Amino acid sequence: MEEWKKSVYVGVILMALGAAFAIIRKEITIWTILIFILAIADIAMGLYRKKREI
């Protein structure tokens, strides 16, 4: 599997886990926000890698 796909998949999984924990705990903490920021950065880097391959 290409590196950019792995990066995008990891970002999506992180975002899903962050959302699940926020829903379960019924609150958004600084850690949840950091997980979302990390997930967005991971997805962005994956898409940037894809763009550079072409």
PDB file of N, CA and C in Angstrom:
ATOM      1  N   MET A   1       0.845  -1.172   0.000  1.00  0.00           N
ATOM      2  CA  MET A   1       0.000   0.000   0.000  1.00  0.00           C
ATOM      3  C   MET A   1       0.895   1.241   0.000  1.00  0.00           C
ATOM      4  N   GLU A   2       0.464   2.228  -0.715  1.00  0.00           N
ATOM      5  CA  GLU A   2       1.257   3.447  -0.804  1.00  0.00           C
ATOM      6  C   GLU A   2       1.258   4.196   0.534  1.00  0.00           C
ATOM      7  N   GLU A   3       2.335   4.943   0.749  1.00  0.00           N
ATOM      8  CA  GLU A   3       2.504   5.662   2.008  1.00  0.00           C
ATOM      9  C   GLU A   3       1.409   6.697   2.239  1.00  0.00           C
ATOM     10  N   TRP A   4       0.983   7.370   1.192  1.00  0.00           N
ATOM     11  CA  TRP A   4      -0.021   8.414   1.393  1.00  0.00           C
ATOM     12  C   TRP A   4      -1.354   7.808   1.818  1.00  0.00           C
ATOM     13  N   LYS A   5      -1.668   6.605   1.313  1.00  0.00           N
ATOM     14  CA  LYS A   5      -2.923   5.962   1.722  1.00  0.00           C
ATOM     15  C   LYS A   5      -2.873   5.577   3.198  1.00  0.00           C
ATOM     16  N   LYS A   6      -1.730   5.064   3.636  1.00  0.00           N
ATOM     17  CA  LYS A   6      -1.584   4.702   5.047  1.00  0.00           C
ATOM     18  C   LYS A   6      -1.791   5.925   5.931  1.00  0.00           C
ATOM     19  N   SER A   7      -1.206   7.036   5.522  1.00  0.00           N
ATOM     20  CA  SER A   7      -1.308   8.259   6.308  1.00  0.00           C
ATOM     21  C   SER A   7      -2.759   8.739   6.397  1.00  0.00           C
ATOM     22  N   VAL A   8      -3.469   8.693   5.283  1.00  0.00           N
ATOM     23  CA  VAL A   8      -4.875   9.121   5.278  1.00  0.00           C
ATOM     24  C   VAL A   8      -5.717   8.177   6.131  1.00  0.00           C
ATOM     25  N   TYR A   9      -5.483   6.864   6.018  1.00  0.00           N
ATOM     26  CA  TYR A   9      -6.249   5.904   6.813  1.00  0.00           C
ATOM     27  C   TYR A   9      -6.002   6.082   8.314  1.00  0.00           C
ATOM     28  N   VAL A  10      -4.755   6.311   8.686  1.00  0.00           N
ATOM     29  CA  VAL A  10      -4.444   6.521  10.106  1.00  0.00           C
ATOM     30  C   VAL A  10      -5.141   7.788  10.607  1.00  0.00           C
ATOM     31  N   GLY A  11      -5.146   8.834   9.793  1.00  0.00           N
ATOM     32  CA  GLY A  11      -5.837  10.060  10.176  1.00  0.00           C
ATOM     33  C   GLY A  11      -7.328   9.859  10.375  1.00  0.00           C
ATOM     34  N   VAL A  12      -7.933   9.099   9.478  1.00  0.00           N
ATOM     35  CA  VAL A  12      -9.372   8.823   9.596  1.00  0.00           C
ATOM     36  C   VAL A  12      -9.653   7.994  10.847  1.00  0.00           C
ATOM     37  N   ILE A  13      -8.808   7.005  11.116  1.00  0.00           N
ATOM     38  CA  ILE A  13      -8.993   6.176  12.310  1.00  0.00           C
ATOM     39  C   ILE A  13      -8.835   7.015  13.575  1.00  0.00           C
ATOM     40  N   LEU A  14      -7.830   7.893  13.604  1.00  0.00           N
ATOM     41  CA  LEU A  14      -7.656   8.772  14.762  1.00  0.00           C
ATOM     42  C   LEU A  14      -8.869   9.672  14.977  1.00  0.00           C
ATOM     43  N   MET A  15      -9.397  10.192  13.881  1.00  0.00           N
ATOM     44  CA  MET A  15     -10.568  11.066  13.997  1.00  0.00           C
ATOM     45  C   MET A  15     -11.778  10.291  14.531  1.00  0.00           C
ATOM     46  N   ALA A  16     -11.957   9.072  14.053  1.00  0.00           N
ATOM     47  CA  ALA A  16     -13.076   8.247  14.529  1.00  0.00           C
ATOM     48  C   ALA A  16     -12.920   7.906  16.006  1.00  0.00           C
ATOM     49  N   LEU A  17     -11.705   7.575  16.421  1.00  0.00           N
ATOM     50  CA  LEU A  17     -11.477   7.263  17.834  1.00  0.00           C
ATOM     51  C   LEU A  17     -11.687   8.486  18.718  1.00  0.00           C
ATOM     52  N   GLY A  18     -11.198   9.630  18.258  1.00  0.00           N
ATOM     53  CA  GLY A  18     -11.409  10.860  19.020  1.00  0.00           C
ATOM     54  C   GLY A  18     -12.882  11.183  19.180  1.00  0.00           C
ATOM     55  N   ALA A  19     -13.640  11.023  18.108  1.00  0.00           N
ATOM     56  CA  ALA A  19     -15.080  11.280  18.169  1.00  0.00           C
ATOM     57  C   ALA A  19     -15.770  10.273  19.087  1.00  0.00           C
ATOM     58  N   ALA A  20     -15.362   9.016  19.010  1.00  0.00           N
ATOM     59  CA  ALA A  20     -15.970   7.988  19.858  1.00  0.00           C
ATOM     60  C   ALA A  20     -15.718   8.272  21.341  1.00  0.00           C
ATOM     61  N   PHE A  21     -14.488   8.625  21.684  1.00  0.00           N
ATOM     62  CA  PHE A  21     -14.188   8.927  23.083  1.00  0.00           C
ATOM     63  C   PHE A  21     -14.925  10.175  23.556  1.00  0.00           C
ATOM     64  N   ALA A  22     -15.055  11.172  22.686  1.00  0.00           N
ATOM     65  CA  ALA A  22     -15.781  12.384  23.071  1.00  0.00           C
ATOM     66  C   ALA A  22     -17.254  12.075  23.321  1.00  0.00           C
ATOM     67  N   ILE A  23     -17.823  11.213  22.501  1.00  0.00           N
ATOM     68  CA  ILE A  23     -19.235  10.845  22.674  1.00  0.00           C
ATOM     69  C   ILE A  23     -19.418  10.008  23.936  1.00  0.00           C
ATOM     70  N   ILE A  24     -18.503   9.060  24.155  1.00  0.00           N
ATOM     71  CA  ILE A  24     -18.617   8.192  25.331  1.00  0.00           C
ATOM     72  C   ILE A  24     -18.486   9.004  26.624  1.00  0.00           C
ATOM     73  N   ARG A  25     -17.500   9.904  26.665  1.00  0.00           N
ATOM     74  CA  ARG A  25     -17.265  10.691  27.882  1.00  0.00           C
ATOM     75  C   ARG A  25     -18.186  11.899  27.979  1.00  0.00           C
ATOM     76  N   LYS A  26     -18.880  12.233  26.897  1.00  0.00           N
ATOM     77  CA  LYS A  26     -19.814  13.361  26.837  1.00  0.00           C
ATOM     78  C   LYS A  26     -19.141  14.688  27.177  1.00  0.00           C
ATOM     79  N   GLU A  27     -17.874  14.810  26.780  1.00  0.00           N
ATOM     80  CA  GLU A  27     -17.149  16.060  26.956  1.00  0.00           C
ATOM     81  C   GLU A  27     -15.991  16.099  25.966  1.00  0.00           C
ATOM     82  N   ILE A  28     -15.575  17.291  25.650  1.00  0.00           N
ATOM     83  CA  ILE A  28     -14.421  17.459  24.775  1.00  0.00           C
ATOM     84  C   ILE A  28     -13.309  18.081  25.610  1.00  0.00           C
ATOM     85  N   THR A  29     -12.218  17.340  25.754  1.00  0.00           N
ATOM     86  CA  THR A  29     -11.079  17.813  26.534  1.00  0.00           C
ATOM     87  C   THR A  29      -9.977  18.277  25.587  1.00  0.00           C
ATOM     88  N   ILE A  30      -8.930  18.793  26.164  1.00  0.00           N
ATOM     89  CA  ILE A  30      -7.789  19.237  25.369  1.00  0.00           C
ATOM     90  C   ILE A  30      -7.174  18.058  24.618  1.00  0.00           C
ATOM     91  N   TRP A  31      -7.221  16.860  25.205  1.00  0.00           N
ATOM     92  CA  TRP A  31      -6.658  15.676  24.548  1.00  0.00           C
ATOM     93  C   TRP A  31      -7.467  15.293  23.324  1.00  0.00           C
ATOM     94  N   THR A  32      -8.774  15.427  23.402  1.00  0.00           N
ATOM     95  CA  THR A  32      -9.618  15.149  22.243  1.00  0.00           C
ATOM     96  C   THR A  32      -9.327  16.136  21.122  1.00  0.00           C
ATOM     97  N   ILE A  33      -9.159  17.385  21.472  1.00  0.00           N
ATOM     98  CA  ILE A  33      -8.835  18.410  20.470  1.00  0.00           C
ATOM     99  C   ILE A  33      -7.478  18.117  19.831  1.00  0.00           C
ATOM    100  N   LEU A  34      -6.505  17.712  20.642  1.00  0.00           N
ATOM    101  CA  LEU A  34      -5.187  17.368  20.109  1.00  0.00           C
ATOM    102  C   LEU A  34      -5.238  16.161  19.172  1.00  0.00           C
ATOM    103  N   ILE A  35      -6.078  15.183  19.488  1.00  0.00           N
ATOM    104  CA  ILE A  35      -6.241  14.028  18.607  1.00  0.00           C
ATOM    105  C   ILE A  35      -6.822  14.474  17.269  1.00  0.00           C
ATOM    106  N   PHE A  36      -7.813  15.362  17.300  1.00  0.00           N
ATOM    107  CA  PHE A  36      -8.397  15.863  16.053  1.00  0.00           C
ATOM    108  C   PHE A  36      -7.374  16.653  15.235  1.00  0.00           C
ATOM    109  N   ILE A  37      -6.560  17.464  15.895  1.00  0.00           N
ATOM    110  CA  ILE A  37      -5.533  18.228  15.180  1.00  0.00           C
ATOM    111  C   ILE A  37      -4.513  17.283  14.548  1.00  0.00           C
ATOM    112  N   LEU A  38      -4.102  16.256  15.296  1.00  0.00           N
ATOM    113  CA  LEU A  38      -3.168  15.273  14.762  1.00  0.00           C
ATOM    114  C   LEU A  38      -3.768  14.529  13.575  1.00  0.00           C
ATOM    115  N   ALA A  39      -5.046  14.167  13.676  1.00  0.00           N
ATOM    116  CA  ALA A  39      -5.705  13.459  12.581  1.00  0.00           C
ATOM    117  C   ALA A  39      -5.785  14.335  11.333  1.00  0.00           C
ATOM    118  N   ILE A  40      -6.139  15.587  11.495  1.00  0.00           N
ATOM    119  CA  ILE A  40      -6.228  16.502  10.354  1.00  0.00           C
ATOM    120  C   ILE A  40      -4.852  16.690   9.722  1.00  0.00           C
ATOM    121  N   ALA A  41      -3.823  16.823  10.549  1.00  0.00           N
ATOM    122  CA  ALA A  41      -2.467  16.979  10.019  1.00  0.00           C
ATOM    123  C   ALA A  41      -2.018  15.727   9.273  1.00  0.00           C
ATOM    124  N   ASP A  42      -2.361  14.566   9.797  1.00  0.00           N
ATOM    125  CA  ASP A  42      -1.986  13.307   9.153  1.00  0.00           C
ATOM    126  C   ASP A  42      -2.676  13.162   7.800  1.00  0.00           C
ATOM    127  N   ILE A  43      -3.950  13.490   7.730  1.00  0.00           N
ATOM    128  CA  ILE A  43      -4.676  13.427   6.459  1.00  0.00           C
ATOM    129  C   ILE A  43      -4.088  14.433   5.472  1.00  0.00           C
ATOM    130  N   ALA A  44      -3.802  15.635   5.943  1.00  0.00           N
ATOM    131  CA  ALA A  44      -3.236  16.659   5.063  1.00  0.00           C
ATOM    132  C   ALA A  44      -1.877  16.227   4.515  1.00  0.00           C
ATOM    133  N   MET A  45      -1.040  15.642   5.355  1.00  0.00           N
ATOM    134  CA  MET A  45       0.267  15.177   4.877  1.00  0.00           C
ATOM    135  C   MET A  45       0.120  14.037   3.874  1.00  0.00           C
ATOM    136  N   GLY A  46      -0.831  13.156   4.102  1.00  0.00           N
ATOM    137  CA  GLY A  46      -1.070  12.070   3.149  1.00  0.00           C
ATOM    138  C   GLY A  46      -1.514  12.600   1.797  1.00  0.00           C
ATOM    139  N   LEU A  47      -2.411  13.562   1.798  1.00  0.00           N
ATOM    140  CA  LEU A  47      -2.876  14.136   0.533  1.00  0.00           C
ATOM    141  C   LEU A  47      -1.768  14.931  -0.151  1.00  0.00           C
ATOM    142  N   TYR A  48      -0.904  15.556   0.644  1.00  0.00           N
ATOM    143  CA  TYR A  48       0.236  16.284   0.078  1.00  0.00           C
ATOM    144  C   TYR A  48       1.215  15.311  -0.592  1.00  0.00           C
ATOM    145  N   ARG A  49       1.434  14.157   0.048  1.00  0.00           N
ATOM    146  CA  ARG A  49       2.308  13.137  -0.550  1.00  0.00           C
ATOM    147  C   ARG A  49       1.727  12.625  -1.858  1.00  0.00           C
ATOM    148  N   LYS A  50       0.416  12.441  -1.880  1.00  0.00           N
ATOM    149  CA  LYS A  50      -0.232  11.977  -3.122  1.00  0.00           C
ATOM    150  C   LYS A  50      -0.026  13.015  -4.232  1.00  0.00           C
ATOM    151  N   LYS A  51      -0.188  14.277  -3.884  1.00  0.00           N
ATOM    152  CA  LYS A  51      -0.049  15.335  -4.862  1.00  0.00           C
ATOM    153  C   LYS A  51       1.381  15.371  -5.423  1.00  0.00           C
ATOM    154  N   ARG A  52       2.362  15.133  -4.586  1.00  0.00           N
ATOM    155  CA  ARG A  52       3.760  15.176  -5.022  1.00  0.00           C
ATOM    156  C   ARG A  52       4.139  13.969  -5.872  1.00  0.00           C
ATOM    157  N   GLU A  53       3.413  12.834  -5.725  1.00  0.00           N
ATOM    158  CA  GLU A  53       3.701  11.644  -6.525  1.00  0.00           C
ATOM    159  C   GLU A  53       3.344  11.833  -7.987  1.00  0.00           C
ATOM    160  N   ILE A  54       2.285  12.561  -8.224  1.00  0.00           N
ATOM    161  CA  ILE A  54       1.777  12.688  -9.596  1.00  0.00           C
ATOM    162  C   ILE A  54       2.592  13.619 -10.429  1.00  0.00           C
TER     163      ILE A  54
END
